[in-house]
Every structure is written in C-alpha cells, then in structure tokens.
Amino acid sequence: MSVAPGKLETVRPEILLAFEQAWPRHDGTKEMAIRDELGLTPARFYQLLGRAARTHDGIAANPITARRVRERMVSSSR
C-alpha cells in the first residue's frame, strides 16, 4: 500500500480509507506507518482522510470506515 513520496495530492480516497481501516487506533506505531507506507505526515494524512471520507469515491470504496471517520470529525468538533 505504499505511495511514492511527493505524490501527496494523488493519494486516492480508497487507499486512505483502507489504511485507516487497517490502523483504526491512533498511536505512535500508526504515525510511523503513515510516514513509511504513505509518505505523508500524520497531520496531512488526517486532512486528506477527512476529505476522502466525504467524497463519493471514498464512500463507495469503504462506506463503513468513511462513516466512522465523518462521525469522529463531528464529535471532535463539538
């Protein structure tokens, strides 16, 4: 599931959501995997993940994870 560094904007929603499904808990190990496997900073990953969870492509690719991400974003903004 590795993505070439420097291709930050081209990471497809299904890749981000599949990664989040495989790594549901936020911890140091996940942060290392984000950097190593996706070539992203954790902050950028979560920005792109939130965007992916709201797109039609993301919802179609992984509806359960997309919904969980959207719900987590709403609950954290309260």
PDB file of N, CA and C in Angstrom:
ATOM      1  N   MET A   1       0.826  -1.178   0.000  1.00  0.00           N
ATOM      2  CA  MET A   1       0.000   0.000   0.000  1.00  0.00           C
ATOM      3  C   MET A   1       0.873   1.246   0.000  1.00  0.00           C
ATOM      4  N   SER A   2       2.073   1.164  -0.441  1.00  0.00           N
ATOM      5  CA  SER A   2       2.992   2.288  -0.395  1.00  0.00           C
ATOM      6  C   SER A   2       2.700   3.276  -1.516  1.00  0.00           C
ATOM      7  N   VAL A   3       2.824   4.546  -1.204  1.00  0.00           N
ATOM      8  CA  VAL A   3       2.611   5.624  -2.153  1.00  0.00           C
ATOM      9  C   VAL A   3       3.908   6.415  -2.240  1.00  0.00           C
ATOM     10  N   ALA A   4       4.283   6.767  -3.453  1.00  0.00           N
ATOM     11  CA  ALA A   4       5.539   7.484  -3.650  1.00  0.00           C
ATOM     12  C   ALA A   4       5.523   8.837  -2.961  1.00  0.00           C
ATOM     13  N   PRO A   5       6.574   9.147  -2.190  1.00  0.00           N
ATOM     14  CA  PRO A   5       6.669  10.476  -1.574  1.00  0.00           C
ATOM     15  C   PRO A   5       6.629  11.550  -2.649  1.00  0.00           C
ATOM     16  N   GLY A   6       6.041  12.673  -2.334  1.00  0.00           N
ATOM     17  CA  GLY A   6       5.919  13.749  -3.300  1.00  0.00           C
ATOM     18  C   GLY A   6       4.630  13.685  -4.085  1.00  0.00           C
ATOM     19  N   LYS A   7       3.865  12.637  -3.927  1.00  0.00           N
ATOM     20  CA  LYS A   7       2.594  12.470  -4.627  1.00  0.00           C
ATOM     21  C   LYS A   7       1.438  12.695  -3.655  1.00  0.00           C
ATOM     22  N   LEU A   8       1.598  13.632  -2.745  1.00  0.00           N
ATOM     23  CA  LEU A   8       0.642  13.829  -1.658  1.00  0.00           C
ATOM     24  C   LEU A   8      -0.779  14.039  -2.135  1.00  0.00           C
ATOM     25  N   GLU A   9      -0.985  14.812  -3.163  1.00  0.00           N
ATOM     26  CA  GLU A   9      -2.334  15.127  -3.609  1.00  0.00           C
ATOM     27  C   GLU A   9      -2.945  14.009  -4.444  1.00  0.00           C
ATOM     28  N   THR A  10      -2.166  13.013  -4.826  1.00  0.00           N
ATOM     29  CA  THR A  10      -2.697  11.967  -5.693  1.00  0.00           C
ATOM     30  C   THR A  10      -3.051  10.689  -4.938  1.00  0.00           C
ATOM     31  N   VAL A  11      -3.009  10.722  -3.633  1.00  0.00           N
ATOM     32  CA  VAL A  11      -3.387   9.548  -2.851  1.00  0.00           C
ATOM     33  C   VAL A  11      -4.896   9.398  -2.958  1.00  0.00           C
ATOM     34  N   ARG A  12      -5.334   8.280  -3.524  1.00  0.00           N
ATOM     35  CA  ARG A  12      -6.758   8.069  -3.773  1.00  0.00           C
ATOM     36  C   ARG A  12      -7.513   7.820  -2.476  1.00  0.00           C
ATOM     37  N   PRO A  13      -8.785   8.231  -2.436  1.00  0.00           N
ATOM     38  CA  PRO A  13      -9.595   8.038  -1.236  1.00  0.00           C
ATOM     39  C   PRO A  13      -9.632   6.595  -0.751  1.00  0.00           C
ATOM     40  N   GLU A  14      -9.713   5.651  -1.664  1.00  0.00           N
ATOM     41  CA  GLU A  14      -9.793   4.247  -1.241  1.00  0.00           C
ATOM     42  C   GLU A  14      -8.514   3.787  -0.544  1.00  0.00           C
ATOM     43  N   ILE A  15      -7.365   4.352  -0.914  1.00  0.00           N
ATOM     44  CA  ILE A  15      -6.104   3.997  -0.255  1.00  0.00           C
ATOM     45  C   ILE A  15      -6.084   4.549   1.165  1.00  0.00           C
ATOM     46  N   LEU A  16      -6.490   5.802   1.312  1.00  0.00           N
ATOM     47  CA  LEU A  16      -6.523   6.416   2.644  1.00  0.00           C
ATOM     48  C   LEU A  16      -7.489   5.687   3.572  1.00  0.00           C
ATOM     49  N   LEU A  17      -8.672   5.363   3.063  1.00  0.00           N
ATOM     50  CA  LEU A  17      -9.671   4.695   3.893  1.00  0.00           C
ATOM     51  C   LEU A  17      -9.272   3.252   4.210  1.00  0.00           C
ATOM     52  N   ALA A  18      -8.635   2.575   3.272  1.00  0.00           N
ATOM     53  CA  ALA A  18      -8.151   1.214   3.542  1.00  0.00           C
ATOM     54  C   ALA A  18      -7.065   1.246   4.612  1.00  0.00           C
ATOM     55  N   PHE A  19      -6.200   2.250   4.549  1.00  0.00           N
ATOM     56  CA  PHE A  19      -5.163   2.392   5.570  1.00  0.00           C
ATOM     57  C   PHE A  19      -5.803   2.632   6.930  1.00  0.00           C
ATOM     58  N   GLU A  20      -6.781   3.527   6.991  1.00  0.00           N
ATOM     59  CA  GLU A  20      -7.456   3.830   8.252  1.00  0.00           C
ATOM     60  C   GLU A  20      -8.176   2.597   8.796  1.00  0.00           C
ATOM     61  N   GLN A  21      -8.749   1.805   7.920  1.00  0.00           N
ATOM     62  CA  GLN A  21      -9.416   0.571   8.347  1.00  0.00           C
ATOM     63  C   GLN A  21      -8.408  -0.404   8.952  1.00  0.00           C
ATOM     64  N   ALA A  22      -7.225  -0.481   8.361  1.00  0.00           N
ATOM     65  CA  ALA A  22      -6.187  -1.387   8.859  1.00  0.00           C
ATOM     66  C   ALA A  22      -5.544  -0.876  10.152  1.00  0.00           C
ATOM     67  N   TRP A  23      -5.551   0.441  10.357  1.00  0.00           N
ATOM     68  CA  TRP A  23      -4.930   1.071  11.528  1.00  0.00           C
ATOM     69  C   TRP A  23      -5.949   1.969  12.230  1.00  0.00           C
ATOM     70  N   PRO A  24      -6.968   1.429  12.866  1.00  0.00           N
ATOM     71  CA  PRO A  24      -8.034   2.269  13.441  1.00  0.00           C
ATOM     72  C   PRO A  24      -7.630   3.083  14.662  1.00  0.00           C
ATOM     73  N   ARG A  25      -6.617   2.660  15.391  1.00  0.00           N
ATOM     74  CA  ARG A  25      -6.216   3.387  16.605  1.00  0.00           C
ATOM     75  C   ARG A  25      -5.062   4.324  16.314  1.00  0.00           C
ATOM     76  N   HIS A  26      -5.135   5.490  16.924  1.00  0.00           N
ATOM     77  CA  HIS A  26      -4.088   6.485  16.739  1.00  0.00           C
ATOM     78  C   HIS A  26      -3.018   6.285  17.809  1.00  0.00           C
ATOM     79  N   ASP A  27      -1.826   5.917  17.364  1.00  0.00           N
ATOM     80  CA  ASP A  27      -0.699   5.776  18.288  1.00  0.00           C
ATOM     81  C   ASP A  27       0.594   5.992  17.519  1.00  0.00           C
ATOM     82  N   GLY A  28       1.682   5.883  18.198  1.00  0.00           N
ATOM     83  CA  GLY A  28       2.976   6.119  17.574  1.00  0.00           C
ATOM     84  C   GLY A  28       3.295   5.163  16.442  1.00  0.00           C
ATOM     85  N   THR A  29       2.859   3.931  16.580  1.00  0.00           N
ATOM     86  CA  THR A  29       3.097   2.946  15.530  1.00  0.00           C
ATOM     87  C   THR A  29       2.372   3.341  14.249  1.00  0.00           C
ATOM     88  N   LYS A  30       1.143   3.820  14.405  1.00  0.00           N
ATOM     89  CA  LYS A  30       0.370   4.251  13.239  1.00  0.00           C
ATOM     90  C   LYS A  30       1.053   5.451  12.579  1.00  0.00           C
ATOM     91  N   GLU A  31       1.535   6.391  13.387  1.00  0.00           N
ATOM     92  CA  GLU A  31       2.209   7.558  12.830  1.00  0.00           C
ATOM     93  C   GLU A  31       3.433   7.157  12.015  1.00  0.00           C
ATOM     94  N   MET A  32       4.182   6.185  12.503  1.00  0.00           N
ATOM     95  CA  MET A  32       5.345   5.690  11.753  1.00  0.00           C
ATOM     96  C   MET A  32       4.903   5.044  10.449  1.00  0.00           C
ATOM     97  N   ALA A  33       3.818   4.271  10.500  1.00  0.00           N
ATOM     98  CA  ALA A  33       3.307   3.612   9.298  1.00  0.00           C
ATOM     99  C   ALA A  33       2.808   4.638   8.279  1.00  0.00           C
ATOM    100  N   ILE A  34       2.184   5.712   8.749  1.00  0.00           N
ATOM    101  CA  ILE A  34       1.726   6.770   7.841  1.00  0.00           C
ATOM    102  C   ILE A  34       2.917   7.341   7.080  1.00  0.00           C
ATOM    103  N   ARG A  35       3.987   7.624   7.807  1.00  0.00           N
ATOM    104  CA  ARG A  35       5.184   8.173   7.169  1.00  0.00           C
ATOM    105  C   ARG A  35       5.841   7.164   6.226  1.00  0.00           C
ATOM    106  N   ASP A  36       5.984   5.917   6.691  1.00  0.00           N
ATOM    107  CA  ASP A  36       6.696   4.903   5.915  1.00  0.00           C
ATOM    108  C   ASP A  36       5.896   4.405   4.710  1.00  0.00           C
ATOM    109  N   GLU A  37       4.627   4.101   4.921  1.00  0.00           N
ATOM    110  CA  GLU A  37       3.823   3.484   3.861  1.00  0.00           C
ATOM    111  C   GLU A  37       3.201   4.486   2.906  1.00  0.00           C
ATOM    112  N   LEU A  38       2.818   5.639   3.418  1.00  0.00           N
ATOM    113  CA  LEU A  38       2.127   6.613   2.580  1.00  0.00           C
ATOM    114  C   LEU A  38       3.000   7.797   2.192  1.00  0.00           C
ATOM    115  N   GLY A  39       4.094   8.003   2.920  1.00  0.00           N
ATOM    116  CA  GLY A  39       4.966   9.134   2.623  1.00  0.00           C
ATOM    117  C   GLY A  39       4.334  10.467   2.989  1.00  0.00           C
ATOM    118  N   LEU A  40       3.458  10.461   3.989  1.00  0.00           N
ATOM    119  CA  LEU A  40       2.760  11.660   4.438  1.00  0.00           C
ATOM    120  C   LEU A  40       3.093  11.945   5.887  1.00  0.00           C
ATOM    121  N   THR A  41       2.934  13.198   6.290  1.00  0.00           N
ATOM    122  CA  THR A  41       2.983  13.495   7.715  1.00  0.00           C
ATOM    123  C   THR A  41       1.637  13.079   8.288  1.00  0.00           C
ATOM    124  N   PRO A  42       1.576  12.742   9.558  1.00  0.00           N
ATOM    125  CA  PRO A  42       0.284  12.394  10.151  1.00  0.00           C
ATOM    126  C   PRO A  42      -0.758  13.503  10.001  1.00  0.00           C
ATOM    127  N   ALA A  43      -0.356  14.753  10.169  1.00  0.00           N
ATOM    128  CA  ALA A  43      -1.324  15.854  10.025  1.00  0.00           C
ATOM    129  C   ALA A  43      -1.916  15.881   8.620  1.00  0.00           C
ATOM    130  N   ARG A  44      -1.076  15.720   7.613  1.00  0.00           N
ATOM    131  CA  ARG A  44      -1.568  15.730   6.223  1.00  0.00           C
ATOM    132  C   ARG A  44      -2.441  14.510   5.959  1.00  0.00           C
ATOM    133  N   PHE A  45      -2.070  13.364   6.503  1.00  0.00           N
ATOM    134  CA  PHE A  45      -2.884  12.162   6.345  1.00  0.00           C
ATOM    135  C   PHE A  45      -4.296  12.406   6.854  1.00  0.00           C
ATOM    136  N   TYR A  46      -4.420  12.981   8.046  1.00  0.00           N
ATOM    137  CA  TYR A  46      -5.752  13.194   8.617  1.00  0.00           C
ATOM    138  C   TYR A  46      -6.539  14.249   7.843  1.00  0.00           C
ATOM    139  N   GLN A  47      -5.867  15.240   7.277  1.00  0.00           N
ATOM    140  CA  GLN A  47      -6.561  16.201   6.410  1.00  0.00           C
ATOM    141  C   GLN A  47      -7.131  15.496   5.185  1.00  0.00           C
ATOM    142  N   LEU A  48      -6.287  14.707   4.528  1.00  0.00           N
ATOM    143  CA  LEU A  48      -6.724  14.006   3.325  1.00  0.00           C
ATOM    144  C   LEU A  48      -7.756  12.924   3.650  1.00  0.00           C
ATOM    145  N   LEU A  49      -7.619  12.275   4.789  1.00  0.00           N
ATOM    146  CA  LEU A  49      -8.577  11.250   5.200  1.00  0.00           C
ATOM    147  C   LEU A  49      -9.960  11.862   5.390  1.00  0.00           C
ATOM    148  N   GLY A  50     -10.029  13.010   6.055  1.00  0.00           N
ATOM    149  CA  GLY A  50     -11.310  13.681   6.242  1.00  0.00           C
ATOM    150  C   GLY A  50     -11.953  14.044   4.920  1.00  0.00           C
ATOM    151  N   ARG A  51     -11.147  14.532   3.996  1.00  0.00           N
ATOM    152  CA  ARG A  51     -11.655  14.866   2.663  1.00  0.00           C
ATOM    153  C   ARG A  51     -12.127  13.601   1.945  1.00  0.00           C
ATOM    154  N   ALA A  52     -11.335  12.523   2.041  1.00  0.00           N
ATOM    155  CA  ALA A  52     -11.696  11.270   1.370  1.00  0.00           C
ATOM    156  C   ALA A  52     -13.002  10.691   1.907  1.00  0.00           C
ATOM    157  N   ALA A  53     -13.234  10.839   3.200  1.00  0.00           N
ATOM    158  CA  ALA A  53     -14.439  10.289   3.823  1.00  0.00           C
ATOM    159  C   ALA A  53     -15.699  11.024   3.387  1.00  0.00           C
ATOM    160  N   ARG A  54     -15.547  12.201   2.798  1.00  0.00           N
ATOM    161  CA  ARG A  54     -16.704  12.972   2.337  1.00  0.00           C
ATOM    162  C   ARG A  54     -16.938  12.859   0.840  1.00  0.00           C
ATOM    163  N   THR A  55     -16.027  12.209   0.108  1.00  0.00           N
ATOM    164  CA  THR A  55     -16.182  12.115  -1.342  1.00  0.00           C
ATOM    165  C   THR A  55     -17.028  10.908  -1.718  1.00  0.00           C
ATOM    166  N   HIS A  56     -17.651  10.999  -2.890  1.00  0.00           N
ATOM    167  CA  HIS A  56     -18.439   9.869  -3.394  1.00  0.00           C
ATOM    168  C   HIS A  56     -17.558   8.644  -3.600  1.00  0.00           C
ATOM    169  N   ASP A  57     -16.338   8.849  -4.116  1.00  0.00           N
ATOM    170  CA  ASP A  57     -15.416   7.732  -4.337  1.00  0.00           C
ATOM    171  C   ASP A  57     -15.043   7.055  -3.025  1.00  0.00           C
ATOM    172  N   GLY A  58     -14.771   7.849  -2.006  1.00  0.00           N
ATOM    173  CA  GLY A  58     -14.409   7.288  -0.706  1.00  0.00           C
ATOM    174  C   GLY A  58     -15.550   6.520  -0.074  1.00  0.00           C
ATOM    175  N   ILE A  59     -16.739   7.097  -0.121  1.00  0.00           N
ATOM    176  CA  ILE A  59     -17.912   6.437   0.457  1.00  0.00           C
ATOM    177  C   ILE A  59     -18.217   5.147  -0.290  1.00  0.00           C
ATOM    178  N   ALA A  60     -18.095   5.161  -1.608  1.00  0.00           N
ATOM    179  CA  ALA A  60     -18.350   3.954  -2.398  1.00  0.00           C
ATOM    180  C   ALA A  60     -17.305   2.874  -2.122  1.00  0.00           C
ATOM    181  N   ALA A  61     -16.058   3.287  -1.929  1.00  0.00           N
ATOM    182  CA  ALA A  61     -14.976   2.319  -1.728  1.00  0.00           C
ATOM    183  C   ALA A  61     -15.014   1.680  -0.349  1.00  0.00           C
ATOM    184  N   ASN A  62     -15.372   2.446   0.670  1.00  0.00           N
ATOM    185  CA  ASN A  62     -15.316   1.930   2.035  1.00  0.00           C
ATOM    186  C   ASN A  62     -16.343   2.683   2.894  1.00  0.00           C
ATOM    187  N   PRO A  63     -17.624   2.362   2.723  1.00  0.00           N
ATOM    188  CA  PRO A  63     -18.664   3.159   3.390  1.00  0.00           C
ATOM    189  C   PRO A  63     -18.608   3.132   4.913  1.00  0.00           C
ATOM    190  N   ILE A  64     -18.246   2.017   5.494  1.00  0.00           N
ATOM    191  CA  ILE A  64     -18.232   1.915   6.958  1.00  0.00           C
ATOM    192  C   ILE A  64     -17.117   2.777   7.546  1.00  0.00           C
ATOM    193  N   THR A  65     -15.920   2.664   7.001  1.00  0.00           N
ATOM    194  CA  THR A  65     -14.804   3.465   7.502  1.00  0.00           C
ATOM    195  C   THR A  65     -15.043   4.945   7.219  1.00  0.00           C
ATOM    196  N   ALA A  66     -15.586   5.271   6.047  1.00  0.00           N
ATOM    197  CA  ALA A  66     -15.883   6.665   5.727  1.00  0.00           C
ATOM    198  C   ALA A  66     -16.868   7.244   6.739  1.00  0.00           C
ATOM    199  N   ARG A  67     -17.895   6.493   7.075  1.00  0.00           N
ATOM    200  CA  ARG A  67     -18.869   6.976   8.052  1.00  0.00           C
ATOM    201  C   ARG A  67     -18.220   7.158   9.423  1.00  0.00           C
ATOM    202  N   ARG A  68     -17.385   6.208   9.827  1.00  0.00           N
ATOM    203  CA  ARG A  68     -16.717   6.299  11.132  1.00  0.00           C
ATOM    204  C   ARG A  68     -15.820   7.533  11.195  1.00  0.00           C
ATOM    205  N   VAL A  69     -15.107   7.807  10.118  1.00  0.00           N
ATOM    206  CA  VAL A  69     -14.235   8.984  10.072  1.00  0.00           C
ATOM    207  C   VAL A  69     -15.070  10.257  10.146  1.00  0.00           C
ATOM    208  N   ARG A  70     -16.168  10.328   9.392  1.00  0.00           N
ATOM    209  CA  ARG A  70     -17.027  11.514   9.427  1.00  0.00           C
ATOM    210  C   ARG A  70     -17.621  11.722  10.808  1.00  0.00           C
ATOM    211  N   GLU A  71     -18.079  10.648  11.452  1.00  0.00           N
ATOM    212  CA  GLU A  71     -18.649  10.762  12.784  1.00  0.00           C
ATOM    213  C   GLU A  71     -17.610  11.227  13.800  1.00  0.00           C
ATOM    214  N   ARG A  72     -16.403  10.735  13.663  1.00  0.00           N
ATOM    215  CA  ARG A  72     -15.317  11.137  14.577  1.00  0.00           C
ATOM    216  C   ARG A  72     -14.994  12.622  14.376  1.00  0.00           C
ATOM    217  N   MET A  73     -15.049  13.097  13.138  1.00  0.00           N
ATOM    218  CA  MET A  73     -14.781  14.506  12.868  1.00  0.00           C
ATOM    219  C   MET A  73     -15.856  15.380  13.497  1.00  0.00           C
ATOM    220  N   VAL A  74     -17.101  14.966  13.434  1.00  0.00           N
ATOM    221  CA  VAL A  74     -18.195  15.743  14.017  1.00  0.00           C
ATOM    222  C   VAL A  74     -18.089  15.750  15.535  1.00  0.00           C
ATOM    223  N   SER A  75     -17.816  14.600  16.128  1.00  0.00           N
ATOM    224  CA  SER A  75     -17.746  14.538  17.592  1.00  0.00           C
ATOM    225  C   SER A  75     -16.546  15.296  18.139  1.00  0.00           C
ATOM    226  N   SER A  76     -15.466  15.373  17.388  1.00  0.00           N
ATOM    227  CA  SER A  76     -14.283  16.091  17.872  1.00  0.00           C
ATOM    228  C   SER A  76     -14.435  17.607  17.712  1.00  0.00           C
ATOM    229  N   SER A  77     -15.363  18.046  16.880  1.00  0.00           N
ATOM    230  CA  SER A  77     -15.557  19.488  16.691  1.00  0.00           C
ATOM    231  C   SER A  77     -16.543  20.087  17.685  1.00  0.00           C
ATOM    232  N   ARG A  78     -17.164  19.257  18.512  1.00  0.00           N
ATOM    233  CA  ARG A  78     -18.139  19.745  19.490  1.00  0.00           C
ATOM    234  C   ARG A  78     -17.465  20.269  20.722  1.00  0.00           C
TER     235      ARG A  78
END
